[in-house]
């Protein structure tokens, strides 16, 4: 059975659904109906509005704008340097050592 927390994370996205081998739904969780396709759930980073019917998730509405806003706000300022940038820095360091610097 697939389950998901009923309350979203602090950032307003839902955590990934879980597959459990049990017959009861833990407190604070809802079962996800087998007919629910989770493709858009994952594509929107869990930024969705769940549709619950009698404690079962029967659908959801993705919020790609909220996902894009979260990504923009949480992109690291320091991007990983490219291979070219690292090679240039290495070459400059070797040249400095070779010239006695």
PDB file of N, CA and C in Angstrom:
ATOM      1  N   UNK A   1       0.848  -1.170   0.000  1.00  0.00           N
ATOM      2  CA  UNK A   1       0.000   0.000   0.000  1.00  0.00           C
ATOM      3  C   UNK A   1       0.896   1.236   0.000  1.00  0.00           C
ATOM      4  N   UNK A   2       0.475   2.267  -0.752  1.00  0.00           N
ATOM      5  CA  UNK A   2       1.208   3.527  -0.781  1.00  0.00           C
ATOM      6  C   UNK A   2       0.556   4.496   0.201  1.00  0.00           C
ATOM      7  N   UNK A   3       1.396   5.210   0.947  1.00  0.00           N
ATOM      8  CA  UNK A   3       0.894   6.179   1.907  1.00  0.00           C
ATOM      9  C   UNK A   3       1.681   7.485   1.783  1.00  0.00           C
ATOM     10  N   UNK A   4       1.103   8.549   2.320  1.00  0.00           N
ATOM     11  CA  UNK A   4       1.757   9.851   2.333  1.00  0.00           C
ATOM     12  C   UNK A   4       1.323  10.588   3.594  1.00  0.00           C
ATOM     13  N   UNK A   5       2.218  11.426   4.102  1.00  0.00           N
ATOM     14  CA  UNK A   5       1.852  12.259   5.253  1.00  0.00           C
ATOM     15  C   UNK A   5       0.745  13.209   4.843  1.00  0.00           C
ATOM     16  N   UNK A   6      -0.182  13.440   5.740  1.00  0.00           N
ATOM     17  CA  UNK A   6      -1.304  14.332   5.456  1.00  0.00           C
ATOM     18  C   UNK A   6      -0.865  15.790   5.477  1.00  0.00           C
ATOM     19  N   UNK A   7       0.078  16.125   6.343  1.00  0.00           N
ATOM     20  CA  UNK A   7       0.557  17.499   6.447  1.00  0.00           C
ATOM     21  C   UNK A   7       1.818  17.672   5.601  1.00  0.00           C
ATOM     22  N   UNK A   8       1.916  18.787   4.876  1.00  0.00           N
ATOM     23  CA  UNK A   8       3.129  19.024   4.084  1.00  0.00           C
ATOM     24  C   UNK A   8       4.316  19.367   4.975  1.00  0.00           C
ATOM     25  N   UNK A   9       5.491  19.371   4.377  1.00  0.00           N
ATOM     26  CA  UNK A   9       6.706  19.794   5.076  1.00  0.00           C
ATOM     27  C   UNK A   9       6.616  21.281   5.397  1.00  0.00           C
ATOM     28  N   UNK A  10       7.588  21.765   6.140  1.00  0.00           N
ATOM     29  CA  UNK A  10       7.617  23.173   6.508  1.00  0.00           C
ATOM     30  C   UNK A  10       7.640  24.078   5.281  1.00  0.00           C
ATOM     31  N   UNK A  11       8.280  23.633   4.201  1.00  0.00           N
ATOM     32  CA  UNK A  11       8.352  24.409   2.966  1.00  0.00           C
ATOM     33  C   UNK A  11       7.116  24.294   2.096  1.00  0.00           C
ATOM     34  N   UNK A  12       6.087  23.615   2.592  1.00  0.00           N
ATOM     35  CA  UNK A  12       4.796  23.446   1.915  1.00  0.00           C
ATOM     36  C   UNK A  12       4.770  22.381   0.835  1.00  0.00           C
ATOM     37  N   UNK A  13       5.836  21.601   0.700  1.00  0.00           N
ATOM     38  CA  UNK A  13       5.786  20.471  -0.230  1.00  0.00           C
ATOM     39  C   UNK A  13       5.527  19.208   0.582  1.00  0.00           C
ATOM     40  N   UNK A  14       5.015  18.214  -0.081  1.00  0.00           N
ATOM     41  CA  UNK A  14       4.785  16.924   0.583  1.00  0.00           C
ATOM     42  C   UNK A  14       5.996  16.029   0.401  1.00  0.00           C
ATOM     43  N   UNK A  15       6.308  15.229   1.412  1.00  0.00           N
ATOM     44  CA  UNK A  15       7.405  14.275   1.245  1.00  0.00           C
ATOM     45  C   UNK A  15       6.992  13.179   0.260  1.00  0.00           C
ATOM     46  N   UNK A  16       7.967  12.463  -0.227  1.00  0.00           N
ATOM     47  CA  UNK A  16       7.685  11.372  -1.162  1.00  0.00           C
ATOM     48  C   UNK A  16       6.779  10.332  -0.523  1.00  0.00           C
ATOM     49  N   UNK A  17       5.843   9.812  -1.303  1.00  0.00           N
ATOM     50  CA  UNK A  17       5.017   8.721  -0.801  1.00  0.00           C
ATOM     51  C   UNK A  17       5.882   7.507  -0.451  1.00  0.00           C
ATOM     52  N   UNK A  18       5.366   6.688   0.416  1.00  0.00           N
ATOM     53  CA  UNK A  18       6.069   5.479   0.833  1.00  0.00           C
ATOM     54  C   UNK A  18       5.217   4.263   0.511  1.00  0.00           C
ATOM     55  N   UNK A  19       5.877   3.173   0.224  1.00  0.00           N
ATOM     56  CA  UNK A  19       5.185   1.902   0.064  1.00  0.00           C
ATOM     57  C   UNK A  19       5.444   1.097   1.329  1.00  0.00           C
ATOM     58  N   UNK A  20       4.384   0.652   1.957  1.00  0.00           N
ATOM     59  CA  UNK A  20       4.509  -0.087   3.214  1.00  0.00           C
ATOM     60  C   UNK A  20       3.832  -1.445   3.089  1.00  0.00           C
ATOM     61  N   UNK A  21       4.339  -2.373   3.860  1.00  0.00           N
ATOM     62  CA  UNK A  21       3.770  -3.723   3.876  1.00  0.00           C
ATOM     63  C   UNK A  21       2.978  -3.898   5.167  1.00  0.00           C
ATOM     64  N   UNK A  22       1.845  -3.240   5.232  1.00  0.00           N
ATOM     65  CA  UNK A  22       0.970  -3.344   6.396  1.00  0.00           C
ATOM     66  C   UNK A  22      -0.457  -3.129   5.934  1.00  0.00           C
ATOM     67  N   UNK A  23      -1.392  -3.455   6.785  1.00  0.00           N
ATOM     68  CA  UNK A  23      -2.800  -3.344   6.417  1.00  0.00           C
ATOM     69  C   UNK A  23      -3.472  -2.102   6.985  1.00  0.00           C
ATOM     70  N   UNK A  24      -2.802  -1.421   7.921  1.00  0.00           N
ATOM     71  CA  UNK A  24      -3.396  -0.230   8.506  1.00  0.00           C
ATOM     72  C   UNK A  24      -2.572   0.993   8.140  1.00  0.00           C
ATOM     73  N   UNK A  25      -3.224   2.141   8.138  1.00  0.00           N
ATOM     74  CA  UNK A  25      -2.561   3.399   7.799  1.00  0.00           C
ATOM     75  C   UNK A  25      -2.134   4.062   9.099  1.00  0.00           C
ATOM     76  N   UNK A  26      -0.840   4.393   9.232  1.00  0.00           N
ATOM     77  CA  UNK A  26      -0.377   5.028  10.460  1.00  0.00           C
ATOM     78  C   UNK A  26      -1.044   6.394  10.676  1.00  0.00           C
ATOM     79  N   UNK A  27      -1.115   6.802  11.909  1.00  0.00           N
ATOM     80  CA  UNK A  27      -1.669   8.100  12.256  1.00  0.00           C
ATOM     81  C   UNK A  27      -0.882   9.207  11.558  1.00  0.00           C
ATOM     82  N   UNK A  28      -1.600  10.193  11.010  1.00  0.00           N
ATOM     83  CA  UNK A  28      -0.954  11.305  10.320  1.00  0.00           C
ATOM     84  C   UNK A  28      -0.681  11.039   8.853  1.00  0.00           C
ATOM     85  N   UNK A  29      -1.062   9.867   8.373  1.00  0.00           N
ATOM     86  CA  UNK A  29      -0.847   9.491   6.979  1.00  0.00           C
ATOM     87  C   UNK A  29      -2.173   9.177   6.311  1.00  0.00           C
ATOM     88  N   UNK A  30      -2.163   9.170   4.987  1.00  0.00           N
ATOM     89  CA  UNK A  30      -3.322   8.762   4.203  1.00  0.00           C
ATOM     90  C   UNK A  30      -2.870   7.744   3.178  1.00  0.00           C
ATOM     91  N   UNK A  31      -3.739   6.804   2.890  1.00  0.00           N
ATOM     92  CA  UNK A  31      -3.460   5.836   1.833  1.00  0.00           C
ATOM     93  C   UNK A  31      -3.651   6.525   0.490  1.00  0.00           C
ATOM     94  N   UNK A  32      -2.826   6.167  -0.479  1.00  0.00           N
ATOM     95  CA  UNK A  32      -2.961   6.697  -1.840  1.00  0.00           C
ATOM     96  C   UNK A  32      -3.642   5.632  -2.682  1.00  0.00           C
ATOM     97  N   UNK A  33      -4.748   6.002  -3.281  1.00  0.00           N
ATOM     98  CA  UNK A  33      -5.485   5.069  -4.120  1.00  0.00           C
ATOM     99  C   UNK A  33      -4.574   4.567  -5.240  1.00  0.00           C
ATOM    100  N   UNK A  34      -4.687   3.289  -5.564  1.00  0.00           N
ATOM    101  CA  UNK A  34      -3.828   2.669  -6.582  1.00  0.00           C
ATOM    102  C   UNK A  34      -3.986   3.308  -7.960  1.00  0.00           C
ATOM    103  N   UNK A  35      -5.113   3.953  -8.212  1.00  0.00           N
ATOM    104  CA  UNK A  35      -5.345   4.565  -9.521  1.00  0.00           C
ATOM    105  C   UNK A  35      -4.635   5.912  -9.679  1.00  0.00           C
ATOM    106  N   UNK A  36      -4.077   6.445  -8.600  1.00  0.00           N
ATOM    107  CA  UNK A  36      -3.441   7.763  -8.662  1.00  0.00           C
ATOM    108  C   UNK A  36      -2.045   7.632  -9.265  1.00  0.00           C
ATOM    109  N   UNK A  37      -1.834   8.333 -10.378  1.00  0.00           N
ATOM    110  CA  UNK A  37      -0.532   8.368 -11.046  1.00  0.00           C
ATOM    111  C   UNK A  37       0.298   9.464 -10.379  1.00  0.00           C
ATOM    112  N   UNK A  38       1.484   9.138  -9.903  1.00  0.00           N
ATOM    113  CA  UNK A  38       2.312  10.079  -9.151  1.00  0.00           C
ATOM    114  C   UNK A  38       3.351  10.806 -10.013  1.00  0.00           C
ATOM    115  N   UNK A  39       3.285  10.657 -11.329  1.00  0.00           N
ATOM    116  CA  UNK A  39       4.273  11.270 -12.210  1.00  0.00           C
ATOM    117  C   UNK A  39       4.373  12.772 -11.982  1.00  0.00           C
ATOM    118  N   UNK A  40       3.243  13.468 -11.977  1.00  0.00           N
ATOM    119  CA  UNK A  40       3.252  14.920 -11.792  1.00  0.00           C
ATOM    120  C   UNK A  40       3.581  15.311 -10.355  1.00  0.00           C
ATOM    121  N   UNK A  41       3.298  14.428  -9.411  1.00  0.00           N
ATOM    122  CA  UNK A  41       3.693  14.683  -8.018  1.00  0.00           C
ATOM    123  C   UNK A  41       5.208  14.856  -7.944  1.00  0.00           C
ATOM    124  N   UNK A  42       5.927  13.910  -8.536  1.00  0.00           N
ATOM    125  CA  UNK A  42       7.390  13.971  -8.517  1.00  0.00           C
ATOM    126  C   UNK A  42       7.908  15.111  -9.391  1.00  0.00           C
ATOM    127  N   UNK A  43       7.262  15.354 -10.535  1.00  0.00           N
ATOM    128  CA  UNK A  43       7.710  16.418 -11.438  1.00  0.00           C
ATOM    129  C   UNK A  43       7.570  17.798 -10.796  1.00  0.00           C
ATOM    130  N   UNK A  44       6.651  17.932  -9.860  1.00  0.00           N
ATOM    131  CA  UNK A  44       6.453  19.226  -9.197  1.00  0.00           C
ATOM    132  C   UNK A  44       7.086  19.252  -7.809  1.00  0.00           C
ATOM    133  N   UNK A  45       7.974  18.301  -7.541  1.00  0.00           N
ATOM    134  CA  UNK A  45       8.720  18.313  -6.290  1.00  0.00           C
ATOM    135  C   UNK A  45       7.865  18.158  -5.045  1.00  0.00           C
ATOM    136  N   UNK A  46       6.676  17.588  -5.180  1.00  0.00           N
ATOM    137  CA  UNK A  46       5.801  17.417  -4.030  1.00  0.00           C
ATOM    138  C   UNK A  46       4.973  18.653  -3.708  1.00  0.00           C
ATOM    139  N   UNK A  47       5.092  19.709  -4.532  1.00  0.00           N
ATOM    140  CA  UNK A  47       4.267  20.902  -4.330  1.00  0.00           C
ATOM    141  C   UNK A  47       2.919  20.645  -4.983  1.00  0.00           C
ATOM    142  N   UNK A  48       2.014  20.094  -4.200  1.00  0.00           N
ATOM    143  CA  UNK A  48       0.699  19.686  -4.681  1.00  0.00           C
ATOM    144  C   UNK A  48      -0.358  20.001  -3.624  1.00  0.00           C
ATOM    145  N   UNK A  49      -1.604  19.971  -4.053  1.00  0.00           N
ATOM    146  CA  UNK A  49      -2.746  20.003  -3.138  1.00  0.00           C
ATOM    147  C   UNK A  49      -3.401  18.634  -3.244  1.00  0.00           C
ATOM    148  N   UNK A  50      -3.435  17.921  -2.130  1.00  0.00           N
ATOM    149  CA  UNK A  50      -4.007  16.575  -2.132  1.00  0.00           C
ATOM    150  C   UNK A  50      -5.525  16.636  -2.145  1.00  0.00           C
ATOM    151  N   UNK A  51      -6.144  15.685  -2.830  1.00  0.00           N
ATOM    152  CA  UNK A  51      -7.587  15.490  -2.785  1.00  0.00           C
ATOM    153  C   UNK A  51      -7.836  14.252  -1.945  1.00  0.00           C
ATOM    154  N   UNK A  52      -8.463  14.439  -0.792  1.00  0.00           N
ATOM    155  CA  UNK A  52      -8.720  13.333   0.136  1.00  0.00           C
ATOM    156  C   UNK A  52     -10.213  13.008   0.151  1.00  0.00           C
ATOM    157  N   UNK A  53     -10.522  11.730   0.068  1.00  0.00           N
ATOM    158  CA  UNK A  53     -11.885  11.250   0.189  1.00  0.00           C
ATOM    159  C   UNK A  53     -11.892  10.138   1.227  1.00  0.00           C
ATOM    160  N   UNK A  54     -12.514  10.395   2.359  1.00  0.00           N
ATOM    161  CA  UNK A  54     -12.570   9.419   3.449  1.00  0.00           C
ATOM    162  C   UNK A  54     -11.183   8.922   3.844  1.00  0.00           C
ATOM    163  N   UNK A  55     -10.221   9.841   3.922  1.00  0.00           N
ATOM    164  CA  UNK A  55      -8.873   9.490   4.365  1.00  0.00           C
ATOM    165  C   UNK A  55      -8.004   8.833   3.309  1.00  0.00           C
ATOM    166  N   UNK A  56      -8.458   8.825   2.073  1.00  0.00           N
ATOM    167  CA  UNK A  56      -7.699   8.219   0.966  1.00  0.00           C
ATOM    168  C   UNK A  56      -7.402   9.300  -0.066  1.00  0.00           C
ATOM    169  N   UNK A  57      -6.149   9.366  -0.514  1.00  0.00           N
ATOM    170  CA  UNK A  57      -5.789  10.309  -1.559  1.00  0.00           C
ATOM    171  C   UNK A  57      -6.333   9.773  -2.877  1.00  0.00           C
ATOM    172  N   UNK A  58      -7.249  10.537  -3.462  1.00  0.00           N
ATOM    173  CA  UNK A  58      -7.860  10.114  -4.721  1.00  0.00           C
ATOM    174  C   UNK A  58      -7.365  10.943  -5.894  1.00  0.00           C
ATOM    175  N   UNK A  59      -6.531  11.937  -5.602  1.00  0.00           N
ATOM    176  CA  UNK A  59      -5.969  12.781  -6.642  1.00  0.00           C
ATOM    177  C   UNK A  59      -5.174  13.899  -6.011  1.00  0.00           C
ATOM    178  N   UNK A  60      -4.658  14.758  -6.858  1.00  0.00           N
ATOM    179  CA  UNK A  60      -3.909  15.924  -6.398  1.00  0.00           C
ATOM    180  C   UNK A  60      -3.828  16.916  -7.536  1.00  0.00           C
ATOM    181  N   UNK A  61      -3.514  18.155  -7.182  1.00  0.00           N
ATOM    182  CA  UNK A  61      -3.293  19.187  -8.177  1.00  0.00           C
ATOM    183  C   UNK A  61      -1.873  19.685  -8.003  1.00  0.00           C
ATOM    184  N   UNK A  62      -1.063  19.547  -9.032  1.00  0.00           N
ATOM    185  CA  UNK A  62       0.333  19.980  -8.973  1.00  0.00           C
ATOM    186  C   UNK A  62       0.405  21.502  -9.002  1.00  0.00           C
ATOM    187  N   UNK A  63       1.429  22.047  -8.338  1.00  0.00           N
ATOM    188  CA  UNK A  63       1.662  23.490  -8.321  1.00  0.00           C
ATOM    189  C   UNK A  63       3.079  23.757  -8.818  1.00  0.00           C
ATOM    190  N   UNK A  64       3.300  23.689 -10.152  1.00  0.00           N
ATOM    191  CA  UNK A  64       4.643  23.872 -10.688  1.00  0.00           C
ATOM    192  C   UNK A  64       5.224  25.250 -10.402  1.00  0.00           C
ATOM    193  N   UNK A  65       4.379  26.267 -10.243  1.00  0.00           N
ATOM    194  CA  UNK A  65       4.890  27.612  -9.927  1.00  0.00           C
ATOM    195  C   UNK A  65       5.521  27.628  -8.540  1.00  0.00           C
ATOM    196  N   UNK A  66       4.913  26.957  -7.577  1.00  0.00           N
ATOM    197  CA  UNK A  66       5.484  26.888  -6.226  1.00  0.00           C
ATOM    198  C   UNK A  66       6.797  26.112  -6.246  1.00  0.00           C
ATOM    199  N   UNK A  67       6.869  25.063  -7.044  1.00  0.00           N
ATOM    200  CA  UNK A  67       8.097  24.281  -7.175  1.00  0.00           C
ATOM    201  C   UNK A  67       9.207  25.132  -7.787  1.00  0.00           C
ATOM    202  N   UNK A  68       8.888  25.886  -8.832  1.00  0.00           N
ATOM    203  CA  UNK A  68       9.880  26.745  -9.476  1.00  0.00           C
ATOM    204  C   UNK A  68      10.354  27.837  -8.516  1.00  0.00           C
ATOM    205  N   UNK A  69       9.434  28.404  -7.740  1.00  0.00           N
ATOM    206  CA  UNK A  69       9.808  29.440  -6.771  1.00  0.00           C
ATOM    207  C   UNK A  69      10.718  28.867  -5.695  1.00  0.00           C
ATOM    208  N   UNK A  70      10.403  27.660  -5.238  1.00  0.00           N
ATOM    209  CA  UNK A  70      11.246  27.027  -4.219  1.00  0.00           C
ATOM    210  C   UNK A  70      12.644  26.767  -4.777  1.00  0.00           C
ATOM    211  N   UNK A  71      12.709  26.257  -5.999  1.00  0.00           N
ATOM    212  CA  UNK A  71      14.010  25.987  -6.616  1.00  0.00           C
ATOM    213  C   UNK A  71      14.825  27.264  -6.760  1.00  0.00           C
ATOM    214  N   UNK A  72      14.190  28.347  -7.181  1.00  0.00           N
ATOM    215  CA  UNK A  72      14.900  29.612  -7.356  1.00  0.00           C
ATOM    216  C   UNK A  72      15.416  30.137  -6.023  1.00  0.00           C
ATOM    217  N   UNK A  73      14.628  29.968  -4.975  1.00  0.00           N
ATOM    218  CA  UNK A  73      15.018  30.463  -3.651  1.00  0.00           C
ATOM    219  C   UNK A  73      16.058  29.573  -2.984  1.00  0.00           C
ATOM    220  N   UNK A  74      16.194  28.350  -3.432  1.00  0.00           N
ATOM    221  CA  UNK A  74      17.092  27.403  -2.774  1.00  0.00           C
ATOM    222  C   UNK A  74      18.244  26.943  -3.650  1.00  0.00           C
ATOM    223  N   UNK A  75      18.522  27.680  -4.716  1.00  0.00           N
ATOM    224  CA  UNK A  75      19.664  27.368  -5.563  1.00  0.00           C
ATOM    225  C   UNK A  75      20.914  27.887  -4.875  1.00  0.00           C
ATOM    226  N   UNK A  76      21.927  27.064  -4.723  1.00  0.00           N
ATOM    227  CA  UNK A  76      23.142  27.533  -4.055  1.00  0.00           C
ATOM    228  C   UNK A  76      23.779  28.690  -4.818  1.00  0.00           C
ATOM    229  N   UNK A  77      24.281  29.664  -4.058  1.00  0.00           N
ATOM    230  CA  UNK A  77      24.964  30.804  -4.669  1.00  0.00           C
ATOM    231  C   UNK A  77      26.265  30.366  -5.329  1.00  0.00           C
ATOM    232  N   UNK A  78      26.938  29.436  -4.717  1.00  0.00           N
ATOM    233  CA  UNK A  78      28.219  28.960  -5.231  1.00  0.00           C
ATOM    234  C   UNK A  78      27.987  27.709  -6.066  1.00  0.00           C
ATOM    235  N   UNK A  79      27.927  27.889  -7.356  1.00  0.00           N
ATOM    236  CA  UNK A  79      27.767  26.750  -8.244  1.00  0.00           C
ATOM    237  C   UNK A  79      29.090  25.995  -8.328  1.00  0.00           C
ATOM    238  N   UNK A  80      29.021  24.717  -8.518  1.00  0.00           N
ATOM    239  CA  UNK A  80      30.209  23.881  -8.682  1.00  0.00           C
ATOM    240  C   UNK A  80      30.987  24.400  -9.892  1.00  0.00           C
ATOM    241  N   UNK A  81      32.300  24.649  -9.711  1.00  0.00           N
ATOM    242  CA  UNK A  81      33.072  25.135 -10.861  1.00  0.00           C
ATOM    243  C   UNK A  81      33.112  24.089 -11.979  1.00  0.00           C
ATOM    244  N   UNK A  82      33.162  24.578 -13.197  1.00  0.00           N
ATOM    245  CA  UNK A  82      33.224  23.675 -14.341  1.00  0.00           C
ATOM    246  C   UNK A  82      34.608  23.029 -14.399  1.00  0.00           C
ATOM    247  N   UNK A  83      34.736  21.995 -15.180  1.00  0.00           N
ATOM    248  CA  UNK A  83      36.031  21.346 -15.377  1.00  0.00           C
ATOM    249  C   UNK A  83      37.032  22.340 -15.954  1.00  0.00           C
ATOM    250  N   UNK A  84      36.574  23.171 -16.882  1.00  0.00           N
ATOM    251  CA  UNK A  84      37.461  24.171 -17.484  1.00  0.00           C
ATOM    252  C   UNK A  84      37.971  25.156 -16.433  1.00  0.00           C
ATOM    253  N   UNK A  85      37.080  25.610 -15.540  1.00  0.00           N
ATOM    254  CA  UNK A  85      37.490  26.537 -14.483  1.00  0.00           C
ATOM    255  C   UNK A  85      38.499  25.889 -13.534  1.00  0.00           C
ATOM    256  N   UNK A  86      38.279  24.636 -13.201  1.00  0.00           N
ATOM    257  CA  UNK A  86      39.203  23.941 -12.301  1.00  0.00           C
ATOM    258  C   UNK A  86      40.555  23.741 -12.968  1.00  0.00           C
ATOM    259  N   UNK A  87      40.556  23.399 -14.256  1.00  0.00           N
ATOM    260  CA  UNK A  87      41.821  23.211 -14.978  1.00  0.00           C
ATOM    261  C   UNK A  87      42.589  24.531 -15.068  1.00  0.00           C
ATOM    262  N   UNK A  88      41.886  25.626 -15.334  1.00  0.00           N
ATOM    263  CA  UNK A  88      42.545  26.932 -15.417  1.00  0.00           C
ATOM    264  C   UNK A  88      43.173  27.304 -14.076  1.00  0.00           C
ATOM    265  N   UNK A  89      42.473  27.033 -12.994  1.00  0.00           N
ATOM    266  CA  UNK A  89      43.010  27.337 -11.666  1.00  0.00           C
ATOM    267  C   UNK A  89      44.228  26.463 -11.363  1.00  0.00           C
ATOM    268  N   UNK A  90      44.175  25.205 -11.758  1.00  0.00           N
ATOM    269  CA  UNK A  90      45.294  24.293 -11.554  1.00  0.00           C
ATOM    270  C   UNK A  90      46.509  24.731 -12.377  1.00  0.00           C
ATOM    271  N   UNK A  91      46.272  25.086 -13.620  1.00  0.00           N
ATOM    272  CA  UNK A  91      47.371  25.556 -14.473  1.00  0.00           C
ATOM    273  C   UNK A  91      48.001  26.825 -13.893  1.00  0.00           C
ATOM    274  N   UNK A  92      47.183  27.735 -13.397  1.00  0.00           N
ATOM    275  CA  UNK A  92      47.710  28.972 -12.805  1.00  0.00           C
ATOM    276  C   UNK A  92      48.536  28.663 -11.564  1.00  0.00           C
ATOM    277  N   UNK A  93      48.098  27.713 -10.758  1.00  0.00           N
ATOM    278  CA  UNK A  93      48.838  27.343  -9.548  1.00  0.00           C
ATOM    279  C   UNK A  93      50.164  26.691  -9.907  1.00  0.00           C
ATOM    280  N   UNK A  94      50.167  25.821 -10.894  1.00  0.00           N
ATOM    281  CA  UNK A  94      51.412  25.153 -11.325  1.00  0.00           C
ATOM    282  C   UNK A  94      52.373  26.191 -11.898  1.00  0.00           C
ATOM    283  N   UNK A  95      51.872  27.123 -12.696  1.00  0.00           N
ATOM    284  CA  UNK A  95      52.719  28.168 -13.264  1.00  0.00           C
ATOM    285  C   UNK A  95      53.321  29.036 -12.159  1.00  0.00           C
ATOM    286  N   UNK A  96      52.533  29.363 -11.164  1.00  0.00           N
ATOM    287  CA  UNK A  96      53.035  30.177 -10.050  1.00  0.00           C
ATOM    288  C   UNK A  96      54.160  29.448  -9.311  1.00  0.00           C
ATOM    289  N   UNK A  97      53.983  28.143  -9.073  1.00  0.00           N
ATOM    290  CA  UNK A  97      55.007  27.352  -8.396  1.00  0.00           C
ATOM    291  C   UNK A  97      56.263  27.293  -9.274  1.00  0.00           C
ATOM    292  N   UNK A  98      56.074  27.080 -10.569  1.00  0.00           N
ATOM    293  CA  UNK A  98      57.210  26.970 -11.486  1.00  0.00           C
ATOM    294  C   UNK A  98      58.001  28.268 -11.571  1.00  0.00           C
ATOM    295  N   UNK A  99      57.328  29.388 -11.401  1.00  0.00           N
ATOM    296  CA  UNK A  99      58.010  30.684 -11.474  1.00  0.00           C
ATOM    297  C   UNK A  99      58.532  31.131 -10.111  1.00  0.00           C
ATOM    298  N   UNK A 100      58.394  30.251  -9.123  1.00  0.00           N
ATOM    299  CA  UNK A 100      58.937  30.532  -7.798  1.00  0.00           C
ATOM    300  C   UNK A 100      58.032  31.391  -6.939  1.00  0.00           C
ATOM    301  N   UNK A 101      56.744  31.396  -7.235  1.00  0.00           N
ATOM    302  CA  UNK A 101      55.828  32.238  -6.484  1.00  0.00           C
ATOM    303  C   UNK A 101      55.221  31.615  -5.323  1.00  0.00           C
TER     304      UNK A 101
END
